Amino acid sequence: MSWTRVIVLSLLTTLLILTISTAVKSAAVRDNSKAADPKGAARQVFMPESEASNFFKRRSRRSVQYYAELQAEQRVRMSNNEHRREHNEEQRHEFENYVEEERDEQNERSRETTEQMREYHYDGLYPRHHWFH
C-alpha cells in the first residue's frame, strides 16, 4: 500500500511540474529585442525581390561562368592532378626501391646458404666448383 502512495505522489508531482513548466514561456532567458518593430528584423533578414532575383541569376549553377573563372578552375584542377601524379610516382619509386633491396637481401641470403652447404658437403676429393662468380 505504501508503494502505491509513493508512485501516485511522484506522478502527481511530475504532472504539476510539467503543467507549471508549460505555462512559463521562458523564465531563464531574457528577450532584449524590440517587439515593437517586427518589420525591422524582417528587413535585416530579407532583401527586395529584384536584388534576390539578380543574386540568384548571378550565382545559379546554370549561369554562364566568366572565362577567367573557368581558367582559374582549370589551373587548380591541373595543379591538383600534377601533385597527385607526383605523389603516385614517388610512392611507386619508393616501392620499387624497397622490392629491389628485399630481392638483393634474399639473393645474398640464398648465396650464403648455398656456400655454407657446399662447404659442409665438400669431401676434398674433387676440385671445388664455383657456381656463382
N, C-alpha and C. Protein backbone atom coordinates (compact mmCIF):
# COMPACT_ATOMS: atom_id res chain seq x y z
N MET A 1 0.82 -1.20 0.00
CA MET A 1 0.00 0.00 0.00
C MET A 1 0.86 1.26 0.00
N SER A 2 2.00 1.21 0.70
CA SER A 2 2.85 2.39 0.77
C SER A 2 3.52 2.65 -0.59
N TRP A 3 3.78 1.59 -1.38
CA TRP A 3 4.38 1.77 -2.70
C TRP A 3 3.42 2.50 -3.65
N THR A 4 2.17 2.19 -3.54
CA THR A 4 1.21 2.87 -4.42
C THR A 4 1.11 4.35 -4.08
N ARG A 5 1.21 4.68 -2.80
CA ARG A 5 1.18 6.09 -2.40
C ARG A 5 2.41 6.82 -2.95
N VAL A 6 3.56 6.19 -2.87
CA VAL A 6 4.79 6.81 -3.36
C VAL A 6 4.69 7.04 -4.87
N ILE A 7 4.21 6.06 -5.58
CA ILE A 7 4.08 6.17 -7.03
C ILE A 7 3.08 7.25 -7.40
N VAL A 8 1.94 7.27 -6.73
CA VAL A 8 0.92 8.28 -7.03
C VAL A 8 1.44 9.67 -6.71
N LEU A 9 2.14 9.84 -5.59
CA LEU A 9 2.69 11.15 -5.25
C LEU A 9 3.74 11.59 -6.26
N SER A 10 4.59 10.68 -6.69
CA SER A 10 5.61 11.06 -7.66
C SER A 10 4.97 11.43 -9.01
N LEU A 11 3.96 10.70 -9.43
CA LEU A 11 3.26 11.03 -10.68
C LEU A 11 2.57 12.39 -10.59
N LEU A 12 1.91 12.65 -9.45
CA LEU A 12 1.26 13.96 -9.28
C LEU A 12 2.30 15.09 -9.28
N THR A 13 3.43 14.87 -8.65
CA THR A 13 4.48 15.89 -8.62
C THR A 13 5.01 16.15 -10.03
N THR A 14 5.23 15.09 -10.77
CA THR A 14 5.70 15.23 -12.16
C THR A 14 4.68 15.97 -13.00
N LEU A 15 3.42 15.64 -12.85
CA LEU A 15 2.37 16.32 -13.59
C LEU A 15 2.29 17.80 -13.23
N LEU A 16 2.45 18.13 -11.96
CA LEU A 16 2.42 19.52 -11.52
C LEU A 16 3.61 20.29 -12.12
N ILE A 17 4.80 19.67 -12.12
CA ILE A 17 5.99 20.34 -12.67
C ILE A 17 5.82 20.57 -14.17
N LEU A 18 5.30 19.58 -14.88
CA LEU A 18 5.09 19.73 -16.32
C LEU A 18 4.06 20.81 -16.62
N THR A 19 3.03 20.88 -15.83
CA THR A 19 2.00 21.91 -16.03
C THR A 19 2.56 23.29 -15.80
N ILE A 20 3.35 23.46 -14.77
CA ILE A 20 3.94 24.77 -14.47
C ILE A 20 4.96 25.14 -15.55
N SER A 21 5.76 24.17 -16.00
CA SER A 21 6.80 24.48 -16.98
C SER A 21 6.20 24.86 -18.34
N THR A 22 5.06 24.31 -18.71
CA THR A 22 4.45 24.70 -19.99
C THR A 22 3.78 26.06 -19.88
N ALA A 23 3.39 26.45 -18.68
CA ALA A 23 2.75 27.74 -18.51
C ALA A 23 3.76 28.87 -18.61
N VAL A 24 4.98 28.63 -18.19
CA VAL A 24 6.02 29.65 -18.25
C VAL A 24 6.68 29.57 -19.63
N LYS A 25 6.72 30.71 -20.33
CA LYS A 25 7.28 30.71 -21.68
C LYS A 25 8.80 30.53 -21.64
N SER A 26 9.51 31.49 -21.04
CA SER A 26 10.95 31.36 -20.91
C SER A 26 11.37 32.12 -19.66
N ALA A 27 11.59 31.39 -18.61
CA ALA A 27 11.92 32.02 -17.35
C ALA A 27 13.40 32.33 -17.26
N ALA A 28 14.24 31.57 -17.91
CA ALA A 28 15.68 31.73 -17.75
C ALA A 28 16.30 32.69 -18.76
N VAL A 29 15.66 32.90 -19.90
CA VAL A 29 16.26 33.71 -20.97
C VAL A 29 15.49 35.01 -21.10
N ARG A 30 16.22 36.12 -21.07
CA ARG A 30 15.59 37.42 -21.27
C ARG A 30 15.56 37.77 -22.74
N ASP A 31 14.52 38.42 -23.16
CA ASP A 31 14.38 38.82 -24.55
C ASP A 31 14.58 40.33 -24.62
N ASN A 32 15.71 40.73 -25.14
CA ASN A 32 16.03 42.16 -25.23
C ASN A 32 15.69 42.77 -26.58
N SER A 33 15.19 41.96 -27.51
CA SER A 33 14.87 42.50 -28.84
C SER A 33 13.61 43.36 -28.75
N LYS A 34 13.51 44.27 -29.68
CA LYS A 34 12.36 45.18 -29.69
C LYS A 34 11.18 44.49 -30.35
N ALA A 35 10.12 44.29 -29.62
CA ALA A 35 8.92 43.66 -30.15
C ALA A 35 8.05 44.66 -30.90
N ALA A 36 8.35 45.93 -30.75
CA ALA A 36 7.52 46.96 -31.37
C ALA A 36 7.79 47.07 -32.87
N ASP A 37 8.95 46.66 -33.35
CA ASP A 37 9.30 46.82 -34.76
C ASP A 37 9.63 45.46 -35.39
N PRO A 38 8.61 44.66 -35.71
CA PRO A 38 8.89 43.37 -36.34
C PRO A 38 9.35 43.52 -37.78
N LYS A 39 9.03 44.63 -38.44
CA LYS A 39 9.44 44.84 -39.82
C LYS A 39 10.95 45.09 -39.91
N GLY A 40 11.54 45.70 -38.89
CA GLY A 40 12.98 45.98 -38.90
C GLY A 40 13.79 44.70 -38.95
N ALA A 41 13.39 43.70 -38.19
CA ALA A 41 14.09 42.42 -38.20
C ALA A 41 13.93 41.74 -39.55
N ALA A 42 12.74 41.85 -40.12
CA ALA A 42 12.50 41.26 -41.43
C ALA A 42 13.34 41.94 -42.50
N ARG A 43 13.53 43.24 -42.37
CA ARG A 43 14.36 43.96 -43.34
C ARG A 43 15.82 43.51 -43.28
N GLN A 44 16.28 43.14 -42.07
CA GLN A 44 17.66 42.69 -41.93
C GLN A 44 17.85 41.30 -42.54
N VAL A 45 16.83 40.47 -42.46
CA VAL A 45 16.95 39.09 -42.95
C VAL A 45 16.65 39.00 -44.44
N PHE A 46 15.58 39.65 -44.88
CA PHE A 46 15.14 39.51 -46.27
C PHE A 46 15.61 40.69 -47.10
N MET A 47 15.73 40.45 -48.40
CA MET A 47 16.12 41.52 -49.33
C MET A 47 14.99 41.71 -50.34
N PRO A 48 14.99 42.83 -51.03
CA PRO A 48 13.94 43.06 -52.03
C PRO A 48 14.00 42.01 -53.14
N GLU A 49 12.86 41.83 -53.79
CA GLU A 49 12.74 40.77 -54.80
C GLU A 49 13.69 40.98 -55.98
N SER A 50 13.88 42.20 -56.39
CA SER A 50 14.75 42.47 -57.53
C SER A 50 16.20 42.10 -57.20
N GLU A 51 16.65 42.44 -55.99
CA GLU A 51 18.01 42.08 -55.60
C GLU A 51 18.17 40.57 -55.49
N ALA A 52 17.15 39.90 -54.95
CA ALA A 52 17.22 38.44 -54.80
C ALA A 52 17.28 37.76 -56.16
N SER A 53 16.47 38.22 -57.11
CA SER A 53 16.50 37.58 -58.43
C SER A 53 17.84 37.82 -59.12
N ASN A 54 18.40 39.03 -58.96
CA ASN A 54 19.72 39.29 -59.54
C ASN A 54 20.78 38.41 -58.88
N PHE A 55 20.66 38.25 -57.56
CA PHE A 55 21.63 37.41 -56.85
C PHE A 55 21.58 35.98 -57.38
N PHE A 56 20.37 35.44 -57.52
CA PHE A 56 20.26 34.06 -57.97
C PHE A 56 20.62 33.92 -59.46
N LYS A 57 20.40 34.95 -60.24
CA LYS A 57 20.81 34.88 -61.64
C LYS A 57 22.33 34.82 -61.74
N ARG A 58 22.99 35.60 -60.90
CA ARG A 58 24.45 35.60 -60.94
C ARG A 58 25.04 34.33 -60.36
N ARG A 59 24.40 33.76 -59.34
CA ARG A 59 25.01 32.67 -58.59
C ARG A 59 24.42 31.29 -58.85
N SER A 60 23.51 31.16 -59.79
CA SER A 60 22.92 29.84 -60.01
C SER A 60 23.92 28.93 -60.70
N ARG A 61 23.69 27.62 -60.63
CA ARG A 61 24.60 26.66 -61.25
C ARG A 61 24.53 26.75 -62.78
N ARG A 62 23.40 27.18 -63.30
CA ARG A 62 23.24 27.23 -64.75
C ARG A 62 23.76 28.52 -65.35
N SER A 63 24.18 29.43 -64.52
CA SER A 63 24.64 30.70 -65.07
C SER A 63 25.98 30.50 -65.78
N VAL A 64 26.25 31.35 -66.71
CA VAL A 64 27.47 31.25 -67.50
C VAL A 64 28.63 31.77 -66.66
N GLN A 65 29.69 30.99 -66.60
CA GLN A 65 30.85 31.44 -65.85
C GLN A 65 31.72 32.31 -66.76
N TYR A 66 32.43 33.18 -66.13
CA TYR A 66 33.34 34.02 -66.88
C TYR A 66 34.55 33.20 -67.30
N TYR A 67 35.18 33.62 -68.36
CA TYR A 67 36.34 32.90 -68.91
C TYR A 67 37.47 32.83 -67.88
N ALA A 68 37.69 33.91 -67.14
CA ALA A 68 38.75 33.93 -66.14
C ALA A 68 38.47 32.90 -65.03
N GLU A 69 37.19 32.78 -64.63
CA GLU A 69 36.84 31.78 -63.62
C GLU A 69 37.11 30.37 -64.13
N LEU A 70 36.74 30.13 -65.37
CA LEU A 70 36.99 28.81 -65.96
C LEU A 70 38.48 28.51 -66.01
N GLN A 71 39.26 29.50 -66.40
CA GLN A 71 40.71 29.31 -66.48
C GLN A 71 41.30 29.04 -65.09
N ALA A 72 40.83 29.78 -64.09
CA ALA A 72 41.34 29.57 -62.73
C ALA A 72 40.99 28.17 -62.22
N GLU A 73 39.74 27.74 -62.45
CA GLU A 73 39.35 26.39 -62.03
C GLU A 73 40.18 25.33 -62.76
N GLN A 74 40.42 25.55 -64.04
CA GLN A 74 41.22 24.60 -64.82
C GLN A 74 42.65 24.52 -64.29
N ARG A 75 43.22 25.68 -63.94
CA ARG A 75 44.57 25.69 -63.37
C ARG A 75 44.63 24.94 -62.05
N VAL A 76 43.60 25.13 -61.21
CA VAL A 76 43.55 24.42 -59.93
C VAL A 76 43.46 22.92 -60.16
N ARG A 77 42.60 22.49 -61.09
CA ARG A 77 42.47 21.06 -61.39
C ARG A 77 43.78 20.48 -61.90
N MET A 78 44.41 21.22 -62.81
CA MET A 78 45.68 20.72 -63.36
C MET A 78 46.75 20.64 -62.29
N SER A 79 46.78 21.61 -61.40
CA SER A 79 47.75 21.59 -60.31
C SER A 79 47.51 20.40 -59.39
N ASN A 80 46.25 20.16 -59.07
CA ASN A 80 45.91 19.00 -58.22
C ASN A 80 46.30 17.70 -58.90
N ASN A 81 46.01 17.59 -60.18
CA ASN A 81 46.39 16.38 -60.92
C ASN A 81 47.90 16.19 -60.93
N GLU A 82 48.64 17.27 -61.10
CA GLU A 82 50.10 17.18 -61.12
C GLU A 82 50.64 16.73 -59.75
N HIS A 83 50.08 17.30 -58.68
CA HIS A 83 50.50 16.88 -57.33
C HIS A 83 50.19 15.41 -57.10
N ARG A 84 49.01 14.98 -57.53
CA ARG A 84 48.63 13.58 -57.36
C ARG A 84 49.56 12.67 -58.16
N ARG A 85 49.87 13.07 -59.39
CA ARG A 85 50.76 12.29 -60.23
C ARG A 85 52.16 12.19 -59.62
N GLU A 86 52.68 13.32 -59.11
CA GLU A 86 54.00 13.31 -58.48
C GLU A 86 54.01 12.41 -57.24
N HIS A 87 52.94 12.50 -56.46
CA HIS A 87 52.86 11.68 -55.26
C HIS A 87 52.83 10.19 -55.61
N ASN A 88 52.02 9.83 -56.60
CA ASN A 88 51.95 8.42 -57.01
C ASN A 88 53.28 7.94 -57.57
N GLU A 89 53.95 8.80 -58.33
CA GLU A 89 55.24 8.41 -58.88
C GLU A 89 56.28 8.20 -57.77
N GLU A 90 56.25 9.10 -56.80
CA GLU A 90 57.17 8.97 -55.67
C GLU A 90 56.90 7.68 -54.88
N GLN A 91 55.63 7.38 -54.66
CA GLN A 91 55.29 6.15 -53.96
C GLN A 91 55.73 4.92 -54.75
N ARG A 92 55.56 4.96 -56.06
CA ARG A 92 55.97 3.83 -56.89
C ARG A 92 57.48 3.64 -56.84
N HIS A 93 58.25 4.74 -56.90
CA HIS A 93 59.70 4.63 -56.82
C HIS A 93 60.15 4.06 -55.47
N GLU A 94 59.52 4.53 -54.41
CA GLU A 94 59.86 4.00 -53.08
C GLU A 94 59.57 2.51 -53.00
N PHE A 95 58.45 2.09 -53.54
CA PHE A 95 58.12 0.66 -53.50
C PHE A 95 59.09 -0.15 -54.35
N GLU A 96 59.45 0.38 -55.53
CA GLU A 96 60.41 -0.33 -56.38
C GLU A 96 61.76 -0.46 -55.68
N ASN A 97 62.21 0.60 -55.01
CA ASN A 97 63.47 0.53 -54.27
C ASN A 97 63.39 -0.49 -53.15
N TYR A 98 62.27 -0.51 -52.45
CA TYR A 98 62.08 -1.47 -51.37
C TYR A 98 62.13 -2.90 -51.91
N VAL A 99 61.44 -3.16 -53.02
CA VAL A 99 61.42 -4.50 -53.61
C VAL A 99 62.82 -4.89 -54.06
N GLU A 100 63.55 -3.95 -54.66
CA GLU A 100 64.91 -4.26 -55.12
C GLU A 100 65.83 -4.60 -53.95
N GLU A 101 65.71 -3.84 -52.87
CA GLU A 101 66.52 -4.13 -51.68
C GLU A 101 66.17 -5.49 -51.09
N GLU A 102 64.90 -5.78 -51.01
CA GLU A 102 64.48 -7.09 -50.49
C GLU A 102 64.99 -8.22 -51.37
N ARG A 103 64.92 -8.04 -52.68
CA ARG A 103 65.40 -9.07 -53.61
C ARG A 103 66.91 -9.27 -53.45
N ASP A 104 67.66 -8.16 -53.31
CA ASP A 104 69.10 -8.27 -53.12
C ASP A 104 69.44 -9.00 -51.83
N GLU A 105 68.71 -8.65 -50.76
CA GLU A 105 68.95 -9.33 -49.49
C GLU A 105 68.63 -10.81 -49.58
N GLN A 106 67.54 -11.13 -50.26
CA GLN A 106 67.17 -12.54 -50.42
C GLN A 106 68.22 -13.30 -51.23
N ASN A 107 68.71 -12.67 -52.30
CA ASN A 107 69.76 -13.30 -53.11
C ASN A 107 71.03 -13.51 -52.28
N GLU A 108 71.37 -12.52 -51.47
CA GLU A 108 72.56 -12.65 -50.64
C GLU A 108 72.40 -13.78 -49.62
N ARG A 109 71.23 -13.87 -49.01
CA ARG A 109 70.99 -14.96 -48.05
C ARG A 109 71.05 -16.32 -48.73
N SER A 110 70.45 -16.44 -49.91
CA SER A 110 70.47 -17.73 -50.58
C SER A 110 71.89 -18.07 -51.04
N ARG A 111 72.67 -17.07 -51.46
CA ARG A 111 74.05 -17.32 -51.86
C ARG A 111 74.87 -17.79 -50.65
N GLU A 112 74.66 -17.13 -49.49
CA GLU A 112 75.37 -17.56 -48.28
C GLU A 112 74.98 -18.97 -47.88
N THR A 113 73.69 -19.28 -47.97
CA THR A 113 73.22 -20.62 -47.62
C THR A 113 73.82 -21.66 -48.57
N THR A 114 73.86 -21.35 -49.85
CA THR A 114 74.43 -22.29 -50.83
C THR A 114 75.91 -22.51 -50.55
N GLU A 115 76.61 -21.42 -50.26
CA GLU A 115 78.04 -21.54 -49.97
C GLU A 115 78.28 -22.36 -48.71
N GLN A 116 77.45 -22.15 -47.70
CA GLN A 116 77.59 -22.93 -46.47
C GLN A 116 77.31 -24.40 -46.73
N MET A 117 76.33 -24.72 -47.55
CA MET A 117 76.03 -26.11 -47.86
C MET A 117 77.19 -26.74 -48.63
N ARG A 118 77.78 -26.00 -49.56
CA ARG A 118 78.93 -26.51 -50.31
C ARG A 118 80.11 -26.80 -49.39
N GLU A 119 80.36 -25.86 -48.48
CA GLU A 119 81.46 -26.06 -47.54
C GLU A 119 81.21 -27.28 -46.65
N TYR A 120 79.97 -27.44 -46.23
CA TYR A 120 79.63 -28.54 -45.33
C TYR A 120 79.77 -29.88 -46.04
N HIS A 121 79.33 -29.97 -47.30
CA HIS A 121 79.32 -31.23 -48.02
C HIS A 121 80.62 -31.50 -48.81
N TYR A 122 81.58 -30.60 -48.80
CA TYR A 122 82.81 -30.79 -49.58
C TYR A 122 83.64 -31.88 -48.92
N ASP A 123 84.01 -32.89 -49.69
CA ASP A 123 84.77 -34.00 -49.11
C ASP A 123 86.25 -33.93 -49.44
N GLY A 124 86.67 -32.97 -50.24
CA GLY A 124 88.08 -32.79 -50.52
C GLY A 124 88.60 -33.61 -51.67
N LEU A 125 87.81 -34.47 -52.27
CA LEU A 125 88.27 -35.32 -53.36
C LEU A 125 88.27 -34.61 -54.70
N TYR A 126 87.32 -33.77 -54.92
CA TYR A 126 87.17 -33.11 -56.21
C TYR A 126 87.46 -31.62 -56.05
N PRO A 127 87.90 -31.00 -57.11
CA PRO A 127 88.11 -29.55 -57.01
C PRO A 127 86.78 -28.84 -56.86
N ARG A 128 86.80 -27.75 -56.18
CA ARG A 128 85.57 -27.01 -55.93
C ARG A 128 85.08 -26.35 -57.21
N HIS A 129 83.76 -26.32 -57.35
CA HIS A 129 83.16 -25.62 -58.49
C HIS A 129 82.52 -24.34 -57.96
N HIS A 130 82.88 -23.28 -58.56
CA HIS A 130 82.25 -22.01 -58.17
C HIS A 130 81.11 -21.74 -59.13
N TRP A 131 79.91 -21.97 -58.63
CA TRP A 131 78.75 -21.81 -59.48
C TRP A 131 78.43 -20.34 -59.74
N PHE A 132 78.60 -19.53 -58.71
CA PHE A 132 78.29 -18.10 -58.85
C PHE A 132 79.57 -17.32 -58.72
N HIS A 133 79.85 -16.52 -59.68
CA HIS A 133 81.08 -15.72 -59.64
C HIS A 133 80.75 -14.31 -59.30
